[in-house]
Each structure stands twice: as structure tokens, then as C-alpha cells.
């Protein structure tokens, strides 16, 4: 099974930027996405991308975060970070090519993002 490894997390101040990367150990033709989960909160889908580059972003990050994909590698450029962006960020691969359907079957271990004021 393909494994996903995230990197790029860290601690930044409000308004700062970070770029997360997700490296896959093999070929992923299906939709990939970024999720995040803060303590005591439900997991939230942040952004998704098809292999062809069609993407979508959650309303809470639209205009600040940008997902991109290079075949099997996934990235998340995060600008103008806010304290509410603090969470563990996970990369995932879905079971379908279309990001609007299917389930998420493969997950990375996560990378922590902390935004302080």
C-alpha cells in the first residue's frame, strides 16, 4: 500500500506562511487532499486536488491557502496564517479520481502547525 509522509509544519506568528508537503511512496491516481484536526475538534477537510489539478478549498481557508499537486506529491501553501489554523495537518488519498465522491483510504502521520499571536 502506498504510504504518505507529510513535512513542512512548524510554529509561526500570525500572518506568517508555511508550505506543507506530502510525498507518496508510489503512484496515486485518485484524489488527494489535506485535512486538519485541532484538539477537541472534528477533522476538517481543507483542500483537495485531482491528479489533473482540479482543486477545491474550504471556505475557511479560501484566499489564504493554495493546494497544488505534482503527480504523486501534494503541497499546501498557507499564507496569512491565523491562530485558528493551529492543528495537526494530514495528507490523504481517496478511493476515487473524483474528489466529490468516495472515501479517504490512505493517511499520513500528520504534521503540526502552530500559529501564535
Protein backbone atom coordinates (compact mmCIF):
# COMPACT_ATOMS: atom_id res chain seq x y z
CA UNK A 1 0.00 0.00 0.00
CA UNK A 2 1.19 3.50 -0.79
CA UNK A 3 2.43 5.48 2.18
CA UNK A 4 2.12 9.24 2.62
CA UNK A 5 4.63 11.36 4.53
CA UNK A 6 3.95 14.98 5.43
CA UNK A 7 6.53 17.64 6.17
CA UNK A 8 6.80 21.39 6.50
CA UNK A 9 4.85 22.05 9.66
CA UNK A 10 6.11 24.31 12.38
CA UNK A 11 5.42 27.31 14.57
CA UNK A 12 4.78 30.74 13.09
CA UNK A 13 3.31 34.02 14.18
CA UNK A 14 0.02 35.41 12.98
CA UNK A 15 0.28 36.50 9.38
CA UNK A 16 3.14 34.15 8.62
CA UNK A 17 3.38 31.47 5.96
CA UNK A 18 4.19 27.79 5.77
CA UNK A 19 4.33 25.29 2.93
CA UNK A 20 3.35 21.72 3.67
CA UNK A 21 4.50 18.85 1.50
CA UNK A 22 3.18 15.31 1.17
CA UNK A 23 5.33 12.71 -0.50
CA UNK A 24 3.83 9.43 -1.69
CA UNK A 25 5.82 6.20 -1.86
CA UNK A 26 4.09 5.17 -5.07
CA UNK A 27 1.67 6.23 -7.78
CA UNK A 28 -1.64 7.77 -6.74
CA UNK A 29 -4.16 8.35 -9.49
CA UNK A 30 -7.01 9.16 -7.13
CA UNK A 31 -7.97 12.40 -5.49
CA UNK A 32 -5.64 13.66 -2.74
CA UNK A 33 -6.36 16.14 -0.04
CA UNK A 34 -5.30 17.99 3.07
CA UNK A 35 -7.22 17.69 6.32
CA UNK A 36 -6.66 19.21 9.73
CA UNK A 37 -7.75 18.46 13.26
CA UNK A 38 -7.38 20.71 16.26
CA UNK A 39 -7.64 19.37 19.83
CA UNK A 40 -11.23 18.55 20.77
CA UNK A 41 -12.49 19.49 17.32
CA UNK A 42 -13.69 17.41 14.42
CA UNK A 43 -11.45 16.73 11.47
CA UNK A 44 -11.91 19.31 8.73
CA UNK A 45 -11.24 18.91 5.03
CA UNK A 46 -9.02 21.81 4.00
CA UNK A 47 -8.42 21.30 0.29
CA UNK A 48 -8.47 18.63 -2.39
CA UNK A 49 -6.89 18.07 -5.78
CA UNK A 50 -7.35 15.60 -8.59
CA UNK A 51 -4.30 14.25 -10.35
CA UNK A 52 -5.17 16.57 -13.21
CA UNK A 53 -5.02 19.59 -10.93
CA UNK A 54 -8.68 20.38 -10.33
CA UNK A 55 -8.83 21.71 -6.80
CA UNK A 56 -11.19 22.89 -4.12
CA UNK A 57 -10.68 24.73 -0.86
CA UNK A 58 -12.73 25.04 2.30
CA UNK A 59 -14.34 28.41 2.84
CA UNK A 60 -12.29 28.96 5.98
CA UNK A 61 -9.03 28.93 4.03
CA UNK A 62 -10.06 30.19 0.61
CA UNK A 63 -7.88 33.05 -0.48
CA UNK A 64 -5.18 32.18 2.06
CA UNK A 65 -4.30 28.55 1.33
CA UNK A 66 -3.48 27.04 -2.05
CA UNK A 67 -3.27 23.34 -2.79
CA UNK A 68 -1.09 22.09 -5.60
CA UNK A 69 -0.13 18.70 -6.88
CA UNK A 70 2.75 17.31 -8.85
CA UNK A 71 1.61 13.82 -9.85
CA UNK A 72 2.02 11.89 -6.59
CA UNK A 73 3.20 14.75 -4.39
CA UNK A 74 0.86 17.20 -2.74
CA UNK A 75 1.52 20.66 -1.37
CA UNK A 76 -0.32 23.23 0.68
CA UNK A 77 0.86 26.83 0.62
CA UNK A 78 -0.53 28.58 3.67
CA UNK A 79 -0.38 32.37 3.84
CA UNK A 80 -1.75 34.89 6.31
CA UNK A 81 -1.98 32.23 8.99
CA UNK A 82 -4.33 32.75 11.91
CA UNK A 83 -4.41 31.19 15.39
CA UNK A 84 -7.47 29.18 14.36
CA UNK A 85 -5.33 27.45 11.74
CA UNK A 86 -3.45 25.72 14.55
CA UNK A 87 -3.95 21.98 14.09
CA UNK A 88 -2.40 18.73 13.02
CA UNK A 89 -2.45 18.63 9.24
CA UNK A 90 -2.86 15.34 7.40
CA UNK A 91 -2.41 14.34 3.81
CA UNK A 92 -4.79 11.72 2.46
CA UNK A 93 -5.61 9.82 -0.70
CA UNK A 94 -9.13 8.93 -1.70
CA UNK A 95 -10.63 5.83 -3.30
CA UNK A 96 -11.91 7.69 -6.36
CA UNK A 97 -10.50 10.03 -9.01
CA UNK A 98 -13.30 12.49 -8.36
CA UNK A 99 -12.79 14.49 -5.20
CA UNK A 100 -16.51 14.91 -4.63
CA UNK A 101 -17.18 11.21 -4.10
CA UNK A 102 -15.57 8.20 -2.49
CA UNK A 103 -13.86 7.79 0.83
CA UNK A 104 -10.39 8.51 2.17
CA UNK A 105 -8.40 5.32 2.44
CA UNK A 106 -4.77 6.32 2.93
CA UNK A 107 -3.48 8.76 5.53
CA UNK A 108 -0.16 10.21 6.53
CA UNK A 109 1.01 10.62 10.10
CA UNK A 110 0.44 14.36 10.14
CA UNK A 111 2.50 17.48 10.66
CA UNK A 112 1.78 20.04 13.36
CA UNK A 113 1.08 23.67 12.53
CA UNK A 114 1.00 26.16 15.39
CA UNK A 115 0.14 29.82 14.88
CA UNK A 116 0.73 32.19 17.77
CA UNK A 117 -0.39 35.76 18.24
